[in-house]
Amino acid sequence: AVRDIKTRRVSSGVWIPLASLGGLLLVWDGWR
């Protein structure tokens, strides 16, 4: 959010680790 205010630019690379974590947690929650 801070970077978007200052530069209006957000690297696509920031979403890959979060998406991977989200996918892993989704499977974990489904298993539980």
Full PDB file with SEQRES, HELIX, SHEET, SSBOND, CRYST1, ORIGX, SCALE, CONECT and MASTER records, all heavy atoms in Angstrom:
SEQRES   1 A   32  ALA VAL ARG ASP ILE LYS THR ARG ARG VAL SER SER GLY          
SEQRES   2 A   32  VAL TRP ILE PRO LEU ALA SER LEU GLY GLY LEU LEU LEU          
SEQRES   3 A   32  VAL TRP ASP GLY TRP ARG                                      
HELIX    1 AA1 VAL A    2  THR A    7  1                                   6    
HELIX    2 AA2 SER A   12  VAL A   14  5                                   3    
HELIX    3 AA3 TRP A   15  TRP A   31  1                                  17    
CRYST1    1.000    1.000    1.000  90.00  90.00  90.00 P 1           1          
ORIGX1      1.000000  0.000000  0.000000        0.00000                         
ORIGX2      0.000000  1.000000  0.000000        0.00000                         
ORIGX3      0.000000  0.000000  1.000000        0.00000                         
SCALE1      1.000000  0.000000  0.000000        0.00000                         
SCALE2      0.000000  1.000000  0.000000        0.00000                         
SCALE3      0.000000  0.000000  1.000000        0.00000                         
ATOM      1  N   ALA A   1       0.829  -1.208   0.000  1.00  0.00           N  
ATOM      2  CA  ALA A   1       0.000   0.000   0.000  1.00  0.00           C  
ATOM      3  C   ALA A   1       0.863   1.257   0.000  1.00  0.00           C  
ATOM      4  O   ALA A   1       0.590   2.213  -0.739  1.00  0.00           O  
ATOM      5  CB  ALA A   1      -0.937  -0.009   1.206  1.00  0.00           C  
ATOM      6  N   VAL A   2       1.916   1.266   0.825  1.00  0.00           N  
ATOM      7  CA  VAL A   2       2.815   2.419   0.875  1.00  0.00           C  
ATOM      8  C   VAL A   2       3.510   2.612  -0.462  1.00  0.00           C  
ATOM      9  O   VAL A   2       3.620   3.732  -0.978  1.00  0.00           O  
ATOM     10  CB  VAL A   2       3.853   2.255   2.008  1.00  0.00           C  
ATOM     11  CG1 VAL A   2       4.927   3.336   1.914  1.00  0.00           C  
ATOM     12  CG2 VAL A   2       3.166   2.298   3.359  1.00  0.00           C  
ATOM     13  N   ARG A   3       3.965   1.517  -1.051  1.00  0.00           N  
ATOM     14  CA  ARG A   3       4.637   1.606  -2.345  1.00  0.00           C  
ATOM     15  C   ARG A   3       3.683   2.094  -3.432  1.00  0.00           C  
ATOM     16  O   ARG A   3       4.071   2.865  -4.314  1.00  0.00           O  
ATOM     17  CB  ARG A   3       5.220   0.244  -2.721  1.00  0.00           C  
ATOM     18  CG  ARG A   3       5.972   0.260  -4.040  1.00  0.00           C  
ATOM     19  CD  ARG A   3       6.783  -0.984  -4.275  1.00  0.00           C  
ATOM     20  NE  ARG A   3       7.427  -0.960  -5.567  1.00  0.00           N  
ATOM     21  CZ  ARG A   3       8.530  -0.294  -5.851  1.00  0.00           C  
ATOM     22  NH1 ARG A   3       9.119   0.420  -4.907  1.00  0.00           N  
ATOM     23  NH2 ARG A   3       9.060  -0.318  -7.065  1.00  0.00           N  
ATOM     24  N   ASP A   4       2.443   1.653  -3.375  1.00  0.00           N  
ATOM     25  CA  ASP A   4       1.461   2.080  -4.365  1.00  0.00           C  
ATOM     26  C   ASP A   4       1.186   3.573  -4.256  1.00  0.00           C  
ATOM     27  O   ASP A   4       0.993   4.257  -5.259  1.00  0.00           O  
ATOM     28  CB  ASP A   4       0.161   1.290  -4.176  1.00  0.00           C  
ATOM     29  CG  ASP A   4      -0.641   1.185  -5.465  1.00  0.00           C  
ATOM     30  OD1 ASP A   4      -0.076   1.449  -6.544  1.00  0.00           O  
ATOM     31  OD2 ASP A   4      -1.826   0.832  -5.398  1.00  0.00           O  
ATOM     32  N   ILE A   5       1.187   4.105  -3.021  1.00  0.00           N  
ATOM     33  CA  ILE A   5       0.998   5.545  -2.839  1.00  0.00           C  
ATOM     34  C   ILE A   5       2.174   6.321  -3.414  1.00  0.00           C  
ATOM     35  O   ILE A   5       1.996   7.318  -4.123  1.00  0.00           O  
ATOM     36  CB  ILE A   5       0.843   5.881  -1.339  1.00  0.00           C  
ATOM     37  CG1 ILE A   5      -0.481   5.337  -0.805  1.00  0.00           C  
ATOM     38  CG2 ILE A   5       0.909   7.389  -1.120  1.00  0.00           C  
ATOM     39  CD1 ILE A   5      -0.628   5.468   0.694  1.00  0.00           C  
ATOM     40  N   LYS A   6       3.390   5.847  -3.130  1.00  0.00           N  
ATOM     41  CA  LYS A   6       4.591   6.600  -3.509  1.00  0.00           C  
ATOM     42  C   LYS A   6       4.952   6.460  -4.978  1.00  0.00           C  
ATOM     43  O   LYS A   6       5.437   7.419  -5.597  1.00  0.00           O  
ATOM     44  CB  LYS A   6       5.779   6.138  -2.653  1.00  0.00           C  
ATOM     45  CG  LYS A   6       5.663   6.541  -1.186  1.00  0.00           C  
ATOM     46  CD  LYS A   6       6.902   6.121  -0.423  1.00  0.00           C  
ATOM     47  CE  LYS A   6       6.850   6.605   1.021  1.00  0.00           C  
ATOM     48  NZ  LYS A   6       8.064   6.213   1.786  1.00  0.00           N  
ATOM     49  N   THR A   7       4.762   5.282  -5.549  1.00  0.00           N  
ATOM     50  CA  THR A   7       5.260   5.034  -6.901  1.00  0.00           C  
ATOM     51  C   THR A   7       4.206   4.597  -7.902  1.00  0.00           C  
ATOM     52  O   THR A   7       4.443   4.627  -9.107  1.00  0.00           O  
ATOM     53  CB  THR A   7       6.359   3.966  -6.889  1.00  0.00           C  
ATOM     54  OG1 THR A   7       5.783   2.689  -6.574  1.00  0.00           O  
ATOM     55  CG2 THR A   7       7.441   4.295  -5.862  1.00  0.00           C  
ATOM     56  N   ARG A   8       3.038   4.153  -7.422  1.00  0.00           N  
ATOM     57  CA  ARG A   8       1.991   3.575  -8.279  1.00  0.00           C  
ATOM     58  C   ARG A   8       2.528   2.364  -9.050  1.00  0.00           C  
ATOM     59  O   ARG A   8       2.025   2.014 -10.110  1.00  0.00           O  
ATOM     60  CB  ARG A   8       1.455   4.607  -9.288  1.00  0.00           C  
ATOM     61  CG  ARG A   8       0.714   5.774  -8.700  1.00  0.00           C  
ATOM     62  CD  ARG A   8      -0.510   5.353  -7.894  1.00  0.00           C  
ATOM     63  NE  ARG A   8      -1.429   6.444  -7.706  1.00  0.00           N  
ATOM     64  CZ  ARG A   8      -1.371   7.341  -6.725  1.00  0.00           C  
ATOM     65  NH1 ARG A   8      -0.403   7.246  -5.837  1.00  0.00           N  
ATOM     66  NH2 ARG A   8      -2.253   8.316  -6.635  1.00  0.00           N  
ATOM     67  N   ARG A   9       3.564   1.742  -8.520  1.00  0.00           N  
ATOM     68  CA  ARG A   9       4.152   0.575  -9.168  1.00  0.00           C  
ATOM     69  C   ARG A   9       4.344  -0.517  -8.130  1.00  0.00           C  
ATOM     70  O   ARG A   9       4.932  -0.284  -7.075  1.00  0.00           O  
ATOM     71  CB  ARG A   9       5.532   0.899  -9.798  1.00  0.00           C  
ATOM     72  CG  ARG A   9       5.539   2.060 -10.779  1.00  0.00           C  
ATOM     73  CD  ARG A   9       4.777   1.761 -12.043  1.00  0.00           C  
ATOM     74  NE  ARG A   9       4.930   2.774 -13.047  1.00  0.00           N  
ATOM     75  CZ  ARG A   9       4.230   3.913 -13.112  1.00  0.00           C  
ATOM     76  NH1 ARG A   9       3.329   4.164 -12.184  1.00  0.00           N  
ATOM     77  NH2 ARG A   9       4.416   4.777 -14.088  1.00  0.00           N  
ATOM     78  N   VAL A  10       3.833  -1.728  -8.422  1.00  0.00           N  
ATOM     79  CA  VAL A  10       4.014  -2.878  -7.532  1.00  0.00           C  
ATOM     80  C   VAL A  10       4.496  -4.040  -8.382  1.00  0.00           C  
ATOM     81  O   VAL A  10       3.852  -4.414  -9.364  1.00  0.00           O  
ATOM     82  CB  VAL A  10       2.705  -3.257  -6.812  1.00  0.00           C  
ATOM     83  CG1 VAL A  10       2.920  -4.495  -5.950  1.00  0.00           C  
ATOM     84  CG2 VAL A  10       2.201  -2.094  -5.959  1.00  0.00           C  
ATOM     85  N   SER A  11       5.637  -4.601  -8.022  1.00  0.00           N  
ATOM     86  CA  SER A  11       6.202  -5.708  -8.779  1.00  0.00           C  
ATOM     87  C   SER A  11       5.311  -6.946  -8.692  1.00  0.00           C  
ATOM     88  O   SER A  11       4.769  -7.273  -7.628  1.00  0.00           O  
ATOM     89  CB  SER A  11       7.595  -6.044  -8.251  1.00  0.00           C  
ATOM     90  OG  SER A  11       8.079  -7.229  -8.830  1.00  0.00           O  
ATOM     91  N   SER A  12       5.167  -7.626  -9.818  1.00  0.00           N  
ATOM     92  CA  SER A  12       4.372  -8.859  -9.845  1.00  0.00           C  
ATOM     93  C   SER A  12       4.984  -9.935  -8.955  1.00  0.00           C  
ATOM     94  O   SER A  12       4.287 -10.838  -8.488  1.00  0.00           O  
ATOM     95  CB  SER A  12       4.262  -9.379 -11.287  1.00  0.00           C  
ATOM     96  OG  SER A  12       3.565  -8.459 -12.099  1.00  0.00           O  
ATOM     97  N   GLY A  13       6.303  -9.835  -8.714  1.00  0.00           N  
ATOM     98  CA  GLY A  13       6.986 -10.837  -7.917  1.00  0.00           C  
ATOM     99  C   GLY A  13       6.502 -10.915  -6.485  1.00  0.00           C  
ATOM    100  O   GLY A  13       6.680 -11.947  -5.833  1.00  0.00           O  
ATOM    101  N   VAL A  14       5.877  -9.838  -5.988  1.00  0.00           N  
ATOM    102  CA  VAL A  14       5.432  -9.856  -4.598  1.00  0.00           C  
ATOM    103  C   VAL A  14       4.245 -10.791  -4.396  1.00  0.00           C  
ATOM    104  O   VAL A  14       4.026 -11.312  -3.300  1.00  0.00           O  
ATOM    105  CB  VAL A  14       5.061  -8.423  -4.136  1.00  0.00           C  
ATOM    106  CG1 VAL A  14       3.732  -7.972  -4.739  1.00  0.00           C  
ATOM    107  CG2 VAL A  14       5.005  -8.336  -2.619  1.00  0.00           C  
ATOM    108  N   TRP A  15       3.489 -11.058  -5.479  1.00  0.00           N  
ATOM    109  CA  TRP A  15       2.271 -11.862  -5.333  1.00  0.00           C  
ATOM    110  C   TRP A  15       2.544 -13.360  -5.382  1.00  0.00           C  
ATOM    111  O   TRP A  15       1.750 -14.150  -4.877  1.00  0.00           O  
ATOM    112  CB  TRP A  15       1.267 -11.491  -6.424  1.00  0.00           C  
ATOM    113  CG  TRP A  15       0.973 -10.029  -6.490  1.00  0.00           C  
ATOM    114  CD1 TRP A  15       1.182  -9.190  -7.552  1.00  0.00           C  
ATOM    115  CD2 TRP A  15       0.416  -9.211  -5.441  1.00  0.00           C  
ATOM    116  NE1 TRP A  15       0.808  -7.915  -7.242  1.00  0.00           N  
ATOM    117  CE2 TRP A  15       0.329  -7.894  -5.956  1.00  0.00           C  
ATOM    118  CE3 TRP A  15       0.002  -9.470  -4.130  1.00  0.00           C  
ATOM    119  CZ2 TRP A  15      -0.164  -6.842  -5.194  1.00  0.00           C  
ATOM    120  CZ3 TRP A  15      -0.489  -8.413  -3.373  1.00  0.00           C  
ATOM    121  CH2 TRP A  15      -0.571  -7.126  -3.900  1.00  0.00           C  
ATOM    122  N   ILE A  16       3.651 -13.765  -5.998  1.00  0.00           N  
ATOM    123  CA  ILE A  16       3.916 -15.192  -6.177  1.00  0.00           C  
ATOM    124  C   ILE A  16       4.089 -15.919  -4.841  1.00  0.00           C  
ATOM    125  O   ILE A  16       3.443 -16.948  -4.603  1.00  0.00           O  
ATOM    126  CB  ILE A  16       5.141 -15.396  -7.091  1.00  0.00           C  
ATOM    127  CG1 ILE A  16       4.837 -14.838  -8.492  1.00  0.00           C  
ATOM    128  CG2 ILE A  16       5.508 -16.879  -7.171  1.00  0.00           C  
ATOM    129  CD1 ILE A  16       6.034 -14.849  -9.426  1.00  0.00           C  
ATOM    130  N   PRO A  17       4.922 -15.410  -3.912  1.00  0.00           N  
ATOM    131  CA  PRO A  17       5.039 -16.111  -2.615  1.00  0.00           C  
ATOM    132  C   PRO A  17       3.718 -16.131  -1.846  1.00  0.00           C  
ATOM    133  O   PRO A  17       3.380 -17.148  -1.221  1.00  0.00           O  
ATOM    134  CB  PRO A  17       6.103 -15.296  -1.869  1.00  0.00           C  
ATOM    135  CG  PRO A  17       6.855 -14.563  -2.921  1.00  0.00           C  
ATOM    136  CD  PRO A  17       5.860 -14.276  -3.999  1.00  0.00           C  
ATOM    137  N   LEU A  18       2.961 -15.038  -1.884  1.00  0.00           N  
ATOM    138  CA  LEU A  18       1.687 -14.999  -1.170  1.00  0.00           C  
ATOM    139  C   LEU A  18       0.683 -15.972  -1.775  1.00  0.00           C  
ATOM    140  O   LEU A  18      -0.061 -16.645  -1.053  1.00  0.00           O  
ATOM    141  CB  LEU A  18       1.114 -13.579  -1.175  1.00  0.00           C  
ATOM    142  CG  LEU A  18       1.789 -12.552  -0.264  1.00  0.00           C  
ATOM    143  CD1 LEU A  18       1.103 -11.197  -0.386  1.00  0.00           C  
ATOM    144  CD2 LEU A  18       1.785 -13.011   1.187  1.00  0.00           C  
ATOM    145  N   ALA A  19       0.649 -16.040  -3.110  1.00  0.00           N  
ATOM    146  CA  ALA A  19      -0.272 -16.975  -3.770  1.00  0.00           C  
ATOM    147  C   ALA A  19       0.108 -18.418  -3.448  1.00  0.00           C  
ATOM    148  O   ALA A  19      -0.764 -19.269  -3.215  1.00  0.00           O  
ATOM    149  CB  ALA A  19      -0.265 -16.745  -5.277  1.00  0.00           C  
ATOM    150  N   SER A  20       1.406 -18.700  -3.413  1.00  0.00           N  
ATOM    151  CA  SER A  20       1.867 -20.053  -3.080  1.00  0.00           C  
ATOM    152  C   SER A  20       1.490 -20.411  -1.645  1.00  0.00           C  
ATOM    153  O   SER A  20       1.018 -21.515  -1.369  1.00  0.00           O  
ATOM    154  CB  SER A  20       3.385 -20.153  -3.260  1.00  0.00           C  
ATOM    155  OG  SER A  20       3.753 -19.856  -4.592  1.00  0.00           O  
ATOM    156  N   LEU A  21       1.685 -19.447  -0.730  1.00  0.00           N  
ATOM    157  CA  LEU A  21       1.308 -19.675   0.661  1.00  0.00           C  
ATOM    158  C   LEU A  21      -0.209 -19.897   0.768  1.00  0.00           C  
ATOM    159  O   LEU A  21      -0.664 -20.800   1.478  1.00  0.00           O  
ATOM    160  CB  LEU A  21       1.721 -18.480   1.516  1.00  0.00           C  
ATOM    161  CG  LEU A  21       1.301 -18.532   2.994  1.00  0.00           C  
ATOM    162  CD1 LEU A  21       1.948 -19.723   3.697  1.00  0.00           C  
ATOM    163  CD2 LEU A  21       1.656 -17.215   3.699  1.00  0.00           C  
ATOM    164  N   GLY A  22      -0.971 -19.075   0.040  1.00  0.00           N  
ATOM    165  CA  GLY A  22      -2.425 -19.217   0.072  1.00  0.00           C  
ATOM    166  C   GLY A  22      -2.886 -20.567  -0.434  1.00  0.00           C  
ATOM    167  O   GLY A  22      -3.781 -21.195   0.152  1.00  0.00           O  
ATOM    168  N   GLY A  23      -2.273 -21.051  -1.512  1.00  0.00           N  
ATOM    169  CA  GLY A  23      -2.630 -22.362  -2.040  1.00  0.00           C  
ATOM    170  C   GLY A  23      -2.321 -23.477  -1.059  1.00  0.00           C  
ATOM    171  O   GLY A  23      -3.124 -24.408  -0.876  1.00  0.00           O  
ATOM    172  N   LEU A  24      -1.170 -23.380  -0.411  1.00  0.00           N  
ATOM    173  CA  LEU A  24      -0.782 -24.385   0.586  1.00  0.00           C  
ATOM    174  C   LEU A  24      -1.751 -24.396   1.771  1.00  0.00           C  
ATOM    175  O   LEU A  24      -2.204 -25.460   2.224  1.00  0.00           O  
ATOM    176  CB  LEU A  24       0.638 -24.094   1.077  1.00  0.00           C  
ATOM    177  CG  LEU A  24       1.170 -24.979   2.207  1.00  0.00           C  
ATOM    178  CD1 LEU A  24       1.275 -26.434   1.748  1.00  0.00           C  
ATOM    179  CD2 LEU A  24       2.537 -24.478   2.691  1.00  0.00           C  
ATOM    180  N   LEU A  25      -2.097 -23.197   2.255  1.00  0.00           N  
ATOM    181  CA  LEU A  25      -3.007 -23.102   3.402  1.00  0.00           C  
ATOM    182  C   LEU A  25      -4.420 -23.552   3.041  1.00  0.00           C  
ATOM    183  O   LEU A  25      -5.134 -24.110   3.887  1.00  0.00           O  
ATOM    184  CB  LEU A  25      -3.033 -21.665   3.935  1.00  0.00           C  
ATOM    185  CG  LEU A  25      -1.707 -21.139   4.495  1.00  0.00           C  
ATOM    186  CD1 LEU A  25      -1.862 -19.694   4.978  1.00  0.00           C  
ATOM    187  CD2 LEU A  25      -1.202 -22.025   5.627  1.00  0.00           C  
ATOM    188  N   LEU A  26      -4.812 -23.330   1.790  1.00  0.00           N  
ATOM    189  CA  LEU A  26      -6.132 -23.787   1.335  1.00  0.00           C  
ATOM    190  C   LEU A  26      -6.212 -25.310   1.397  1.00  0.00           C  
ATOM    191  O   LEU A  26      -7.211 -25.878   1.887  1.00  0.00           O  
ATOM    192  CB  LEU A  26      -6.394 -23.289  -0.085  1.00  0.00           C  
ATOM    193  CG  LEU A  26      -7.724 -23.698  -0.718  1.00  0.00           C  
ATOM    194  CD1 LEU A  26      -8.897 -23.065   0.028  1.00  0.00           C  
ATOM    195  CD2 LEU A  26      -7.755 -23.302  -2.200  1.00  0.00           C  
ATOM    196  N   VAL A  27      -5.171 -25.979   0.925  1.00  0.00           N  
ATOM    197  CA  VAL A  27      -5.134 -27.449   0.976  1.00  0.00           C  
ATOM    198  C   VAL A  27      -5.103 -27.916   2.422  1.00  0.00           C  
ATOM    199  O   VAL A  27      -5.793 -28.876   2.797  1.00  0.00           O  
ATOM    200  CB  VAL A  27      -3.904 -27.973   0.204  1.00  0.00           C  
ATOM    201  CG1 VAL A  27      -3.755 -29.476   0.391  1.00  0.00           C  
ATOM    202  CG2 VAL A  27      -4.028 -27.634  -1.281  1.00  0.00           C  
ATOM    203  N   TRP A  28      -4.323 -27.241   3.250  1.00  0.00           N  
ATOM    204  CA  TRP A  28      -4.222 -27.587   4.678  1.00  0.00           C  
ATOM    205  C   TRP A  28      -5.593 -27.468   5.352  1.00  0.00           C  
ATOM    206  O   TRP A  28      -6.029 -28.366   6.068  1.00  0.00           O  
ATOM    207  CB  TRP A  28      -3.204 -26.664   5.342  1.00  0.00           C  
ATOM    208  CG  TRP A  28      -2.798 -27.063   6.729  1.00  0.00           C  
ATOM    209  CD1 TRP A  28      -3.370 -28.012   7.545  1.00  0.00           C  
ATOM    210  CD2 TRP A  28      -1.702 -26.509   7.477  1.00  0.00           C  
ATOM    211  NE1 TRP A  28      -2.716 -28.082   8.746  1.00  0.00           N  
ATOM    212  CE2 TRP A  28      -1.688 -27.177   8.732  1.00  0.00           C  
ATOM    213  CE3 TRP A  28      -0.747 -25.535   7.206  1.00  0.00           C  
ATOM    214  CZ2 TRP A  28      -0.744 -26.870   9.705  1.00  0.00           C  
ATOM    215  CZ3 TRP A  28       0.176 -25.236   8.181  1.00  0.00           C  
ATOM    216  CH2 TRP A  28       0.189 -25.894   9.416  1.00  0.00           C  
ATOM    217  N   ASP A  29      -6.273 -26.360   5.115  1.00  0.00           N  
ATOM    218  CA  ASP A  29      -7.602 -26.158   5.701  1.00  0.00           C  
ATOM    219  C   ASP A  29      -8.593 -27.214   5.199  1.00  0.00           C  
ATOM    220  O   ASP A  29      -9.434 -27.703   5.965  1.00  0.00           O  
ATOM    221  CB  ASP A  29      -8.129 -24.766   5.349  1.00  0.00           C  
ATOM    222  CG  ASP A  29      -7.653 -23.708   6.325  1.00  0.00           C  
ATOM    223  OD1 ASP A  29      -7.147 -24.072   7.395  1.00  0.00           O  
ATOM    224  OD2 ASP A  29      -7.792 -22.504   6.008  1.00  0.00           O  
ATOM    225  N   GLY A  30      -8.497 -27.526   3.913  1.00  0.00           N  
ATOM    226  CA  GLY A  30      -9.389 -28.537   3.349  1.00  0.00           C  
ATOM    227  C   GLY A  30      -9.183 -29.900   3.985  1.00  0.00           C  
ATOM    228  O   GLY A  30     -10.154 -30.617   4.294  1.00  0.00           O  
ATOM    229  N   TRP A  31      -7.916 -30.239   4.214  1.00  0.00           N  
ATOM    230  CA  TRP A  31      -7.604 -31.515   4.853  1.00  0.00           C  
ATOM    231  C   TRP A  31      -8.136 -31.554   6.286  1.00  0.00           C  
ATOM    232  O   TRP A  31      -8.725 -32.542   6.715  1.00  0.00           O  
ATOM    233  CB  TRP A  31      -6.087 -31.727   4.829  1.00  0.00           C  
ATOM    234  CG  TRP A  31      -5.640 -32.964   5.547  1.00  0.00           C  
ATOM    235  CD1 TRP A  31      -5.722 -34.263   5.111  1.00  0.00           C  
ATOM    236  CD2 TRP A  31      -5.029 -33.019   6.850  1.00  0.00           C  
ATOM    237  NE1 TRP A  31      -5.209 -35.117   6.052  1.00  0.00           N  
ATOM    238  CE2 TRP A  31      -4.771 -34.385   7.136  1.00  0.00           C  
ATOM    239  CE3 TRP A  31      -4.678 -32.044   7.785  1.00  0.00           C  
ATOM    240  CZ2 TRP A  31      -4.177 -34.785   8.320  1.00  0.00           C  
ATOM    241  CZ3 TRP A  31      -4.082 -32.463   8.969  1.00  0.00           C  
ATOM    242  CH2 TRP A  31      -3.844 -33.816   9.221  1.00  0.00           C  
ATOM    243  N   ARG A  32      -7.969 -30.459   7.030  1.00  0.00           N  
ATOM    244  CA  ARG A  32      -8.460 -30.397   8.399  1.00  0.00           C  
ATOM    245  C   ARG A  32      -9.985 -30.471   8.449  1.00  0.00           C  
ATOM    246  O   ARG A  32     -10.568 -31.145   9.298  1.00  0.00           O  
ATOM    247  CB  ARG A  32      -7.984 -29.103   9.070  1.00  0.00           C  
ATOM    248  CG  ARG A  32      -6.481 -29.053   9.298  1.00  0.00           C  
ATOM    249  CD  ARG A  32      -6.022 -27.683   9.785  1.00  0.00           C  
ATOM    250  NE  ARG A  32      -6.540 -27.384  11.121  1.00  0.00           N  
ATOM    251  CZ  ARG A  32      -7.266 -26.319  11.413  1.00  0.00           C  
ATOM    252  NH1 ARG A  32      -7.589 -25.451  10.459  1.00  0.00           N  
ATOM    253  NH2 ARG A  32      -7.681 -26.119  12.640  1.00  0.00           N  
TER     254      ARG A  32                                                      
MASTER        0    0    0    3    0    0    0    6  253    1    0    3          
END                                                                             
